[in-house]
Amino acid sequence: MTHFVLVAGTWLGAWAWDEVAAELREAGHDVHALTLSGLAEKQGMAAGQQTHVQDIVDEVEHLDLRNVVLVGHSYSGVPVGQAAERIGDRLARVVFVDSMVPVDGESALSGWPSDDVRQSIADNDGFWMPLDTDDYVGQGLTGEQIARIVSGSTPHPGATATEPAVLARPIAELPATYIKCLLDGEEPMDAVAEALKSDRWELVRMDTGHWPMFSQPRQLARILHESATRP
């Protein structure tokens, strides 16, 4: 049996995966959607980037999961990528869903124009504040889906985005699938493009926006199911 551990991106909790998790369970998989420290029902918990890495490692080790597919969306690709390295032979594959990827010594905000995000964190007592409704327009989402995301979002602990990643080896050495959501830009970030040169990585494109767990949950679940069969 494949054990999926699903980790949503900035501002979101385990609830964001409800529809995808249901599809994967129907396909016979074991699924664990994880809320990172400081978010959703875990608001108020202090968190830096390594806290989030440890959240993921602890989920795998405490449940004694093996044949694990770690799935990271958006920001969470950074802690998921580090956790994938640390769980060793428990890992079957890591799937990055339109996400950032960790680069040793670099933060989640490195490699893209993020001065406004850094300023927002400084202006909001160390938190990266959620987006407004208008920010989700053009991402393949219905009004109802946008309302669900906005109502469920909580401020994101800023240190998790500004602290550096710690990797023992290049991320390209892990077996990985990268899902690029085309409404969020057709080309992956430079660090992703570099990793995709590895014969251990595959690229899958989805014709939707940055939040496919809401806009195309069934299609996303199918891709995750297929990733579980990759060598």
C-alpha atoms as a PDB file:
ATOM      1  CA  MET A   1       0.000   0.000   0.000  1.00  0.00           C
ATOM      2  CA  THR A   2       1.155   3.525  -0.764  1.00  0.00           C
ATOM      3  CA  HIS A   3       0.997   5.993   2.108  1.00  0.00           C
ATOM      4  CA  PHE A   4       0.445   9.568   0.926  1.00  0.00           C
ATOM      5  CA  VAL A   5       1.359  12.482   3.170  1.00  0.00           C
ATOM      6  CA  LEU A   6      -0.214  15.650   1.776  1.00  0.00           C
ATOM      7  CA  VAL A   7       1.032  19.092   2.810  1.00  0.00           C
ATOM      8  CA  ALA A   8      -0.668  22.266   1.581  1.00  0.00           C
ATOM      9  CA  GLY A   9       1.013  25.590   0.918  1.00  0.00           C
ATOM     10  CA  THR A  10       0.955  28.995   2.525  1.00  0.00           C
ATOM     11  CA  TRP A  11      -2.061  29.872   4.726  1.00  0.00           C
ATOM     12  CA  LEU A  12      -3.703  26.456   4.343  1.00  0.00           C
ATOM     13  CA  GLY A  13      -4.183  23.403   6.532  1.00  0.00           C
ATOM     14  CA  ALA A  14      -4.985  19.721   6.078  1.00  0.00           C
ATOM     15  CA  TRP A  15      -8.571  20.653   5.157  1.00  0.00           C
ATOM     16  CA  ALA A  16      -7.378  21.862   1.733  1.00  0.00           C
ATOM     17  CA  TRP A  17      -6.849  18.236   0.671  1.00  0.00           C
ATOM     18  CA  ASP A  18     -10.301  16.887   1.562  1.00  0.00           C
ATOM     19  CA  GLU A  19     -11.441  16.170  -1.998  1.00  0.00           C
ATOM     20  CA  VAL A  20      -8.077  14.836  -3.191  1.00  0.00           C
ATOM     21  CA  ALA A  21      -7.734  12.629  -0.118  1.00  0.00           C
ATOM     22  CA  ALA A  22     -11.176  11.139  -0.712  1.00  0.00           C
ATOM     23  CA  GLU A  23     -10.257  10.273  -4.311  1.00  0.00           C
ATOM     24  CA  LEU A  24      -6.976   8.653  -3.266  1.00  0.00           C
ATOM     25  CA  ARG A  25      -8.655   6.605  -0.547  1.00  0.00           C
ATOM     26  CA  GLU A  26     -11.238   5.409  -3.048  1.00  0.00           C
ATOM     27  CA  ALA A  27      -8.310   4.219  -5.190  1.00  0.00           C
ATOM     28  CA  GLY A  28      -7.069   2.134  -2.246  1.00  0.00           C
ATOM     29  CA  HIS A  29      -4.349   4.351  -0.800  1.00  0.00           C
ATOM     30  CA  ASP A  30      -3.661   5.335   2.801  1.00  0.00           C
ATOM     31  CA  VAL A  31      -3.754   9.148   3.089  1.00  0.00           C
ATOM     32  CA  HIS A  32      -2.551  11.529   5.780  1.00  0.00           C
ATOM     33  CA  ALA A  33      -3.206  15.238   5.211  1.00  0.00           C
ATOM     34  CA  LEU A  34      -1.016  17.302   7.519  1.00  0.00           C
ATOM     35  CA  THR A  35      -1.446  20.783   8.984  1.00  0.00           C
ATOM     36  CA  LEU A  36       1.901  22.459   9.636  1.00  0.00           C
ATOM     37  CA  SER A  37       2.644  24.213  12.924  1.00  0.00           C
ATOM     38  CA  GLY A  38       1.224  27.720  13.226  1.00  0.00           C
ATOM     39  CA  LEU A  39      -1.533  27.240  10.633  1.00  0.00           C
ATOM     40  CA  ALA A  40      -5.265  26.424  10.646  1.00  0.00           C
ATOM     41  CA  GLU A  41      -6.107  24.455  13.811  1.00  0.00           C
ATOM     42  CA  LYS A  42      -2.459  24.772  14.914  1.00  0.00           C
ATOM     43  CA  GLN A  43      -2.479  28.584  15.024  1.00  0.00           C
ATOM     44  CA  GLY A  44      -0.476  30.005  17.904  1.00  0.00           C
ATOM     45  CA  MET A  45       2.282  27.413  17.709  1.00  0.00           C
ATOM     46  CA  ALA A  46       5.693  28.983  17.102  1.00  0.00           C
ATOM     47  CA  ALA A  47       7.237  27.792  13.849  1.00  0.00           C
ATOM     48  CA  GLY A  48      10.393  28.225  11.820  1.00  0.00           C
ATOM     49  CA  GLN A  49      11.217  26.372   8.630  1.00  0.00           C
ATOM     50  CA  GLN A  50      12.861  23.458  10.436  1.00  0.00           C
ATOM     51  CA  THR A  51       9.744  23.151  12.608  1.00  0.00           C
ATOM     52  CA  HIS A  52       7.784  22.432   9.445  1.00  0.00           C
ATOM     53  CA  VAL A  53      10.371  19.936   8.244  1.00  0.00           C
ATOM     54  CA  GLN A  54      10.149  18.150  11.584  1.00  0.00           C
ATOM     55  CA  ASP A  55       6.322  18.192  11.457  1.00  0.00           C
ATOM     56  CA  ILE A  56       6.512  16.108   8.279  1.00  0.00           C
ATOM     57  CA  VAL A  57       9.270  13.766   9.473  1.00  0.00           C
ATOM     58  CA  ASP A  58       7.385  13.165  12.738  1.00  0.00           C
ATOM     59  CA  GLU A  59       4.178  12.310  10.874  1.00  0.00           C
ATOM     60  CA  VAL A  60       5.990   9.614   8.902  1.00  0.00           C
ATOM     61  CA  GLU A  61       8.047   8.200  11.766  1.00  0.00           C
ATOM     62  CA  HIS A  62       5.410   8.253  14.500  1.00  0.00           C
ATOM     63  CA  LEU A  63       2.983   6.381  12.261  1.00  0.00           C
ATOM     64  CA  ASP A  64       5.807   4.100  11.079  1.00  0.00           C
ATOM     65  CA  LEU A  65       4.888   4.715   7.448  1.00  0.00           C
ATOM     66  CA  ARG A  66       6.845   3.114   4.627  1.00  0.00           C
ATOM     67  CA  ASN A  67       6.454   3.318   0.853  1.00  0.00           C
ATOM     68  CA  VAL A  68       5.653   6.997   1.408  1.00  0.00           C
ATOM     69  CA  VAL A  69       4.780   9.532  -1.278  1.00  0.00           C
ATOM     70  CA  LEU A  70       5.302  13.011   0.167  1.00  0.00           C
ATOM     71  CA  VAL A  71       3.277  15.712  -1.581  1.00  0.00           C
ATOM     72  CA  GLY A  72       4.090  19.390  -1.172  1.00  0.00           C
ATOM     73  CA  HIS A  73       2.072  22.255  -2.633  1.00  0.00           C
ATOM     74  CA  SER A  74       3.454  25.786  -3.174  1.00  0.00           C
ATOM     75  CA  TYR A  75       5.553  26.888  -0.155  1.00  0.00           C
ATOM     76  CA  SER A  76       5.423  23.445   1.424  1.00  0.00           C
ATOM     77  CA  GLY A  77       7.612  22.020  -1.323  1.00  0.00           C
ATOM     78  CA  VAL A  78      10.514  23.517   0.628  1.00  0.00           C
ATOM     79  CA  PRO A  79       9.967  21.618   3.913  1.00  0.00           C
ATOM     80  CA  VAL A  80       8.636  18.548   2.068  1.00  0.00           C
ATOM     81  CA  GLY A  81      11.797  18.341  -0.042  1.00  0.00           C
ATOM     82  CA  GLN A  82      13.964  18.458   3.074  1.00  0.00           C
ATOM     83  CA  ALA A  83      11.797  15.907   4.882  1.00  0.00           C
ATOM     84  CA  ALA A  84      11.971  13.586   1.858  1.00  0.00           C
ATOM     85  CA  GLU A  85      15.729  13.462   2.254  1.00  0.00           C
ATOM     86  CA  ARG A  86      15.513  12.801   5.992  1.00  0.00           C
ATOM     87  CA  ILE A  87      13.058   9.898   5.990  1.00  0.00           C
ATOM     88  CA  GLY A  88      15.521   7.783   4.019  1.00  0.00           C
ATOM     89  CA  ASP A  89      14.297   4.480   2.640  1.00  0.00           C
ATOM     90  CA  ARG A  90      10.760   5.141   3.846  1.00  0.00           C
ATOM     91  CA  LEU A  91      10.388   7.417   0.808  1.00  0.00           C
ATOM     92  CA  ALA A  92       8.950   6.060  -2.435  1.00  0.00           C
ATOM     93  CA  ARG A  93       8.613   9.407  -4.212  1.00  0.00           C
ATOM     94  CA  VAL A  94       8.136  13.117  -3.622  1.00  0.00           C
ATOM     95  CA  VAL A  95       5.580  15.122  -5.617  1.00  0.00           C
ATOM     96  CA  PHE A  96       5.882  18.888  -5.874  1.00  0.00           C
ATOM     97  CA  VAL A  97       2.571  20.556  -6.788  1.00  0.00           C
ATOM     98  CA  ASP A  98       3.363  23.881  -8.490  1.00  0.00           C
ATOM     99  CA  SER A  99       5.748  24.449  -5.634  1.00  0.00           C
ATOM    100  CA  MET A 100       9.004  25.979  -4.611  1.00  0.00           C
ATOM    101  CA  VAL A 101      11.782  23.460  -4.012  1.00  0.00           C
ATOM    102  CA  PRO A 102      14.505  23.616  -1.374  1.00  0.00           C
ATOM    103  CA  VAL A 103      17.990  24.810  -2.240  1.00  0.00           C
ATOM    104  CA  ASP A 104      20.616  24.388   0.460  1.00  0.00           C
ATOM    105  CA  GLY A 105      21.248  27.699   2.199  1.00  0.00           C
ATOM    106  CA  GLU A 106      18.407  29.493   0.419  1.00  0.00           C
ATOM    107  CA  SER A 107      14.970  30.438   1.734  1.00  0.00           C
ATOM    108  CA  ALA A 108      11.558  29.772   0.234  1.00  0.00           C
ATOM    109  CA  LEU A 109      11.540  33.394  -0.921  1.00  0.00           C
ATOM    110  CA  SER A 110      14.804  33.091  -2.844  1.00  0.00           C
ATOM    111  CA  GLY A 111      14.736  32.925  -6.626  1.00  0.00           C
ATOM    112  CA  TRP A 112      11.632  35.036  -7.262  1.00  0.00           C
ATOM    113  CA  PRO A 113      10.646  38.697  -6.707  1.00  0.00           C
ATOM    114  CA  SER A 114       9.645  38.650  -3.045  1.00  0.00           C
ATOM    115  CA  ASP A 115      10.522  42.049  -1.602  1.00  0.00           C
ATOM    116  CA  ASP A 116       6.827  42.811  -1.102  1.00  0.00           C
ATOM    117  CA  VAL A 117       6.362  39.552   0.805  1.00  0.00           C
ATOM    118  CA  ARG A 118       9.329  40.300   3.070  1.00  0.00           C
ATOM    119  CA  GLN A 119       7.928  43.758   3.738  1.00  0.00           C
ATOM    120  CA  SER A 120       4.499  42.328   4.489  1.00  0.00           C
ATOM    121  CA  ILE A 121       6.025  39.925   7.023  1.00  0.00           C
ATOM    122  CA  ALA A 122       7.891  42.806   8.672  1.00  0.00           C
ATOM    123  CA  ASP A 123       4.718  44.929   8.787  1.00  0.00           C
ATOM    124  CA  ASN A 124       2.524  42.170  10.245  1.00  0.00           C
ATOM    125  CA  ASP A 125       4.410  41.040  13.339  1.00  0.00           C
ATOM    126  CA  GLY A 126       6.252  38.291  11.519  1.00  0.00           C
ATOM    127  CA  PHE A 127       3.316  36.835   9.596  1.00  0.00           C
ATOM    128  CA  TRP A 128       2.736  36.442   5.861  1.00  0.00           C
ATOM    129  CA  MET A 129      -0.877  37.525   5.508  1.00  0.00           C
ATOM    130  CA  PRO A 130      -3.420  35.648   3.346  1.00  0.00           C
ATOM    131  CA  LEU A 131      -4.432  36.805  -0.107  1.00  0.00           C
ATOM    132  CA  ASP A 132      -7.646  38.663  -0.891  1.00  0.00           C
ATOM    133  CA  THR A 133     -10.442  37.318  -3.064  1.00  0.00           C
ATOM    134  CA  ASP A 134      -9.260  39.257  -6.130  1.00  0.00           C
ATOM    135  CA  ASP A 135      -5.839  37.580  -5.977  1.00  0.00           C
ATOM    136  CA  TYR A 136      -7.383  34.224  -6.911  1.00  0.00           C
ATOM    137  CA  VAL A 137      -9.059  35.431 -10.101  1.00  0.00           C
ATOM    138  CA  GLY A 138      -7.686  33.830 -13.285  1.00  0.00           C
ATOM    139  CA  GLN A 139      -6.585  30.634 -11.536  1.00  0.00           C
ATOM    140  CA  GLY A 140      -9.351  28.335 -12.758  1.00  0.00           C
ATOM    141  CA  LEU A 141     -11.361  28.607  -9.539  1.00  0.00           C
ATOM    142  CA  THR A 142     -15.090  29.122  -9.124  1.00  0.00           C
ATOM    143  CA  GLY A 143     -16.412  31.856  -6.856  1.00  0.00           C
ATOM    144  CA  GLU A 144     -17.413  29.193  -4.341  1.00  0.00           C
ATOM    145  CA  GLN A 145     -13.924  27.677  -4.374  1.00  0.00           C
ATOM    146  CA  ILE A 146     -12.308  31.080  -3.899  1.00  0.00           C
ATOM    147  CA  ALA A 147     -14.604  31.837  -0.971  1.00  0.00           C
ATOM    148  CA  ARG A 148     -13.682  28.505   0.611  1.00  0.00           C
ATOM    149  CA  ILE A 149      -9.962  29.195   0.327  1.00  0.00           C
ATOM    150  CA  VAL A 150     -10.230  32.755   1.634  1.00  0.00           C
ATOM    151  CA  SER A 151     -12.439  31.818   4.586  1.00  0.00           C
ATOM    152  CA  GLY A 152     -10.156  28.952   5.587  1.00  0.00           C
ATOM    153  CA  SER A 153      -6.830  30.756   5.249  1.00  0.00           C
ATOM    154  CA  THR A 154      -4.833  31.840   8.297  1.00  0.00           C
ATOM    155  CA  PRO A 155      -1.698  34.014   8.627  1.00  0.00           C
ATOM    156  CA  HIS A 156       1.478  32.099   7.799  1.00  0.00           C
ATOM    157  CA  PRO A 157       4.484  32.181  10.173  1.00  0.00           C
ATOM    158  CA  GLY A 158       6.963  34.346   8.261  1.00  0.00           C
ATOM    159  CA  ALA A 159      10.141  32.723   9.583  1.00  0.00           C
ATOM    160  CA  THR A 160       9.262  29.516   7.764  1.00  0.00           C
ATOM    161  CA  ALA A 161       9.569  31.420   4.474  1.00  0.00           C
ATOM    162  CA  THR A 162      12.685  33.468   5.294  1.00  0.00           C
ATOM    163  CA  GLU A 163      14.907  30.896   6.997  1.00  0.00           C
ATOM    164  CA  PRO A 164      17.307  28.806   4.857  1.00  0.00           C
ATOM    165  CA  ALA A 165      16.799  25.239   3.765  1.00  0.00           C
ATOM    166  CA  VAL A 166      19.264  22.577   4.887  1.00  0.00           C
ATOM    167  CA  LEU A 167      20.043  19.758   2.447  1.00  0.00           C
ATOM    168  CA  ALA A 168      22.781  17.143   2.542  1.00  0.00           C
ATOM    169  CA  ARG A 169      22.623  16.598  -1.220  1.00  0.00           C
ATOM    170  CA  PRO A 170      20.996  18.191  -4.282  1.00  0.00           C
ATOM    171  CA  ILE A 171      17.222  17.824  -4.441  1.00  0.00           C
ATOM    172  CA  ALA A 172      17.576  16.405  -7.969  1.00  0.00           C
ATOM    173  CA  GLU A 173      18.865  13.140  -6.476  1.00  0.00           C
ATOM    174  CA  LEU A 174      15.441  12.316  -5.032  1.00  0.00           C
ATOM    175  CA  PRO A 175      12.822  10.460  -7.121  1.00  0.00           C
ATOM    176  CA  ALA A 176      10.338  13.214  -7.916  1.00  0.00           C
ATOM    177  CA  THR A 177       7.364  14.343  -9.948  1.00  0.00           C
ATOM    178  CA  TYR A 178       6.905  18.064 -10.525  1.00  0.00           C
ATOM    179  CA  ILE A 179       3.396  19.264 -11.403  1.00  0.00           C
ATOM    180  CA  LYS A 180       3.372  22.609 -13.234  1.00  0.00           C
ATOM    181  CA  CYS A 181       0.040  24.435 -13.209  1.00  0.00           C
ATOM    182  CA  LEU A 182      -0.034  26.410 -16.433  1.00  0.00           C
ATOM    183  CA  LEU A 183      -2.355  29.238 -15.392  1.00  0.00           C
ATOM    184  CA  ASP A 184       0.293  30.176 -12.845  1.00  0.00           C
ATOM    185  CA  GLY A 185       2.949  30.531 -15.564  1.00  0.00           C
ATOM    186  CA  GLU A 186       4.112  28.007 -18.113  1.00  0.00           C
ATOM    187  CA  GLU A 187       7.771  27.839 -17.077  1.00  0.00           C
ATOM    188  CA  PRO A 188       8.975  26.459 -13.736  1.00  0.00           C
ATOM    189  CA  MET A 189      11.296  28.424 -11.467  1.00  0.00           C
ATOM    190  CA  ASP A 190      15.026  28.205 -12.178  1.00  0.00           C
ATOM    191  CA  ALA A 191      15.726  25.791  -9.316  1.00  0.00           C
ATOM    192  CA  VAL A 192      12.969  23.503 -10.582  1.00  0.00           C
ATOM    193  CA  ALA A 193      14.173  23.700 -14.178  1.00  0.00           C
ATOM    194  CA  GLU A 194      17.648  22.685 -13.026  1.00  0.00           C
ATOM    195  CA  ALA A 195      16.322  19.718 -11.024  1.00  0.00           C
ATOM    196  CA  LEU A 196      14.210  18.581 -13.978  1.00  0.00           C
ATOM    197  CA  LYS A 197      17.422  17.841 -15.868  1.00  0.00           C
ATOM    198  CA  SER A 198      17.794  14.823 -13.593  1.00  0.00           C
ATOM    199  CA  ASP A 199      16.642  11.459 -14.938  1.00  0.00           C
ATOM    200  CA  ARG A 200      15.002  10.892 -11.531  1.00  0.00           C
ATOM    201  CA  TRP A 201      12.522  13.725 -12.090  1.00  0.00           C
ATOM    202  CA  GLU A 202       9.480  13.916 -14.327  1.00  0.00           C
ATOM    203  CA  LEU A 203       7.397  16.933 -15.330  1.00  0.00           C
ATOM    204  CA  VAL A 204       3.593  16.794 -15.498  1.00  0.00           C
ATOM    205  CA  ARG A 205       1.534  19.774 -16.647  1.00  0.00           C
ATOM    206  CA  MET A 206      -1.979  20.658 -15.516  1.00  0.00           C
ATOM    207  CA  ASP A 207      -4.137  23.152 -17.394  1.00  0.00           C
ATOM    208  CA  THR A 208      -5.315  24.909 -14.259  1.00  0.00           C
ATOM    209  CA  GLY A 209      -4.148  27.426 -11.664  1.00  0.00           C
ATOM    210  CA  HIS A 210      -1.979  27.325  -8.579  1.00  0.00           C
ATOM    211  CA  TRP A 211      -4.549  25.567  -6.346  1.00  0.00           C
ATOM    212  CA  PRO A 212      -5.432  22.347  -8.231  1.00  0.00           C
ATOM    213  CA  MET A 213      -6.621  20.590  -5.070  1.00  0.00           C
ATOM    214  CA  PHE A 214      -9.625  22.913  -5.337  1.00  0.00           C
ATOM    215  CA  SER A 215      -9.922  23.539  -9.076  1.00  0.00           C
ATOM    216  CA  GLN A 216      -9.204  19.999 -10.356  1.00  0.00           C
ATOM    217  CA  PRO A 217      -9.094  17.596  -7.380  1.00  0.00           C
ATOM    218  CA  ARG A 218      -9.971  14.476  -9.353  1.00  0.00           C
ATOM    219  CA  GLN A 219      -7.315  15.128 -11.992  1.00  0.00           C
ATOM    220  CA  LEU A 220      -4.730  15.906  -9.325  1.00  0.00           C
ATOM    221  CA  ALA A 221      -5.562  12.705  -7.448  1.00  0.00           C
ATOM    222  CA  ARG A 222      -5.154  10.732 -10.674  1.00  0.00           C
ATOM    223  CA  ILE A 223      -1.670  12.187 -11.211  1.00  0.00           C
ATOM    224  CA  LEU A 224      -0.728  11.411  -7.608  1.00  0.00           C
ATOM    225  CA  HIS A 225      -2.040   7.854  -7.998  1.00  0.00           C
ATOM    226  CA  GLU A 226       0.051   7.431 -11.153  1.00  0.00           C
ATOM    227  CA  SER A 227       3.122   8.810  -9.386  1.00  0.00           C
ATOM    228  CA  ALA A 228       2.864   6.026  -6.827  1.00  0.00           C
ATOM    229  CA  THR A 229       3.581   3.466  -9.572  1.00  0.00           C
ATOM    230  CA  ARG A 230       6.764   5.147 -10.799  1.00  0.00           C
ATOM    231  CA  PRO A 231      10.009   3.199 -10.266  1.00  0.00           C
END
